[in-house]
Amino acid sequence: MFDFNEESDLQKAMQSYERDSREKLVSELCYWKDMYNVERLQATWLDALAELLRDTSDKESEEYEGECNQEYQDAKRKFNSKWY
């Protein structure tokens, strides 16, 4: 995951996480998992939007883009209400 240049950098990171409680580490892991899901949905929506913009007359692409956008917006709202 991380590339440490020196052994001391790795030791500092390990010490920082060793001081954290299990609950804090699990919470941080859940946060990043949820963030990944939102970013994945955003990327899917942007791909669908780009496809739609290539051919604006394609109704199927327009529907797919709308669905992707709605799914992304729902996930973003859920993420924001959960973490902020």
Protein backbone atom coordinates (compact mmCIF):
# COMPACT_ATOMS: atom_id res chain seq x y z
CA MET A 1 0.00 0.00 0.00
CA PHE A 2 2.62 2.53 1.05
CA ASP A 3 6.18 2.67 -0.14
CA PHE A 4 8.47 3.79 2.67
CA ASN A 5 11.86 5.20 1.78
CA GLU A 6 13.47 4.45 5.09
CA GLU A 7 12.92 1.96 7.85
CA SER A 8 12.40 4.85 10.27
CA ASP A 9 9.38 6.04 8.24
CA LEU A 10 7.86 2.57 8.51
CA GLN A 11 8.51 2.48 12.25
CA LYS A 12 6.85 5.87 12.75
CA ALA A 13 3.77 4.72 10.85
CA MET A 14 3.57 1.48 12.82
CA GLN A 15 3.89 3.34 16.13
CA SER A 16 1.18 5.78 15.15
CA TYR A 17 -1.27 2.97 14.38
CA GLU A 18 -0.28 0.93 17.44
CA ARG A 19 -1.42 3.79 19.68
CA ASP A 20 -4.87 3.88 18.09
CA SER A 21 -7.68 1.82 19.51
CA ARG A 22 -9.20 -1.03 17.57
CA GLU A 23 -12.47 0.93 17.26
CA LYS A 24 -10.66 3.90 15.73
CA LEU A 25 -8.84 1.70 13.23
CA VAL A 26 -12.05 -0.09 12.24
CA SER A 27 -13.82 3.26 11.89
CA GLU A 28 -11.02 4.58 9.68
CA LEU A 29 -11.11 1.46 7.55
CA CYS A 30 -14.90 1.78 7.11
CA TYR A 31 -14.49 5.45 6.18
CA TRP A 32 -12.00 4.65 3.41
CA LYS A 33 -14.10 1.73 2.19
CA ASP A 34 -17.14 4.00 1.90
CA MET A 35 -15.03 6.71 0.23
CA TYR A 36 -13.77 4.16 -2.31
CA ASN A 37 -17.35 3.13 -3.11
CA VAL A 38 -18.42 6.76 -3.70
CA GLU A 39 -15.39 7.42 -5.90
CA ARG A 40 -16.04 4.24 -7.89
CA LEU A 41 -19.62 5.32 -8.51
CA GLN A 42 -18.42 8.79 -9.50
CA ALA A 43 -16.00 7.28 -12.02
CA THR A 44 -18.77 5.10 -13.45
CA TRP A 45 -21.05 8.12 -13.80
CA LEU A 46 -18.30 10.19 -15.47
CA ASP A 47 -17.65 7.37 -17.95
CA ALA A 48 -21.37 7.22 -18.75
CA LEU A 49 -21.49 11.01 -19.11
CA ALA A 50 -18.52 10.98 -21.48
CA GLU A 51 -20.20 8.27 -23.55
CA LEU A 52 -23.40 10.31 -23.69
CA LEU A 53 -21.53 13.44 -24.76
CA ARG A 54 -19.96 11.52 -27.65
CA ASP A 55 -23.44 10.81 -29.03
CA THR A 56 -26.19 12.93 -27.49
CA SER A 57 -28.91 11.34 -29.63
CA ASP A 58 -28.46 7.91 -27.99
CA LYS A 59 -31.41 7.54 -25.60
CA GLU A 60 -30.02 4.38 -24.02
CA SER A 61 -26.81 6.20 -23.05
CA GLU A 62 -28.87 9.07 -21.68
CA GLU A 63 -30.90 6.72 -19.47
CA TYR A 64 -27.76 4.91 -18.28
CA GLU A 65 -26.06 8.22 -17.45
CA GLY A 66 -29.12 9.32 -15.49
CA GLU A 67 -29.16 6.07 -13.51
CA CYS A 68 -25.44 6.31 -12.79
CA ASN A 69 -25.76 9.93 -11.72
CA GLN A 70 -28.67 9.10 -9.40
CA GLU A 71 -26.77 6.17 -7.88
CA TYR A 72 -23.69 8.36 -7.34
CA GLN A 73 -25.71 11.21 -5.80
CA ASP A 74 -27.49 8.79 -3.44
CA ALA A 75 -24.20 7.24 -2.34
CA LYS A 76 -22.64 10.68 -1.85
CA ARG A 77 -25.57 11.85 0.31
CA LYS A 78 -25.42 8.65 2.35
CA PHE A 79 -21.66 9.03 2.79
CA ASN A 80 -21.96 12.68 3.85
CA SER A 81 -24.72 11.97 6.33
CA LYS A 82 -22.75 9.08 7.80
CA TRP A 83 -19.33 10.72 8.08
CA TYR A 84 -19.94 14.48 8.32
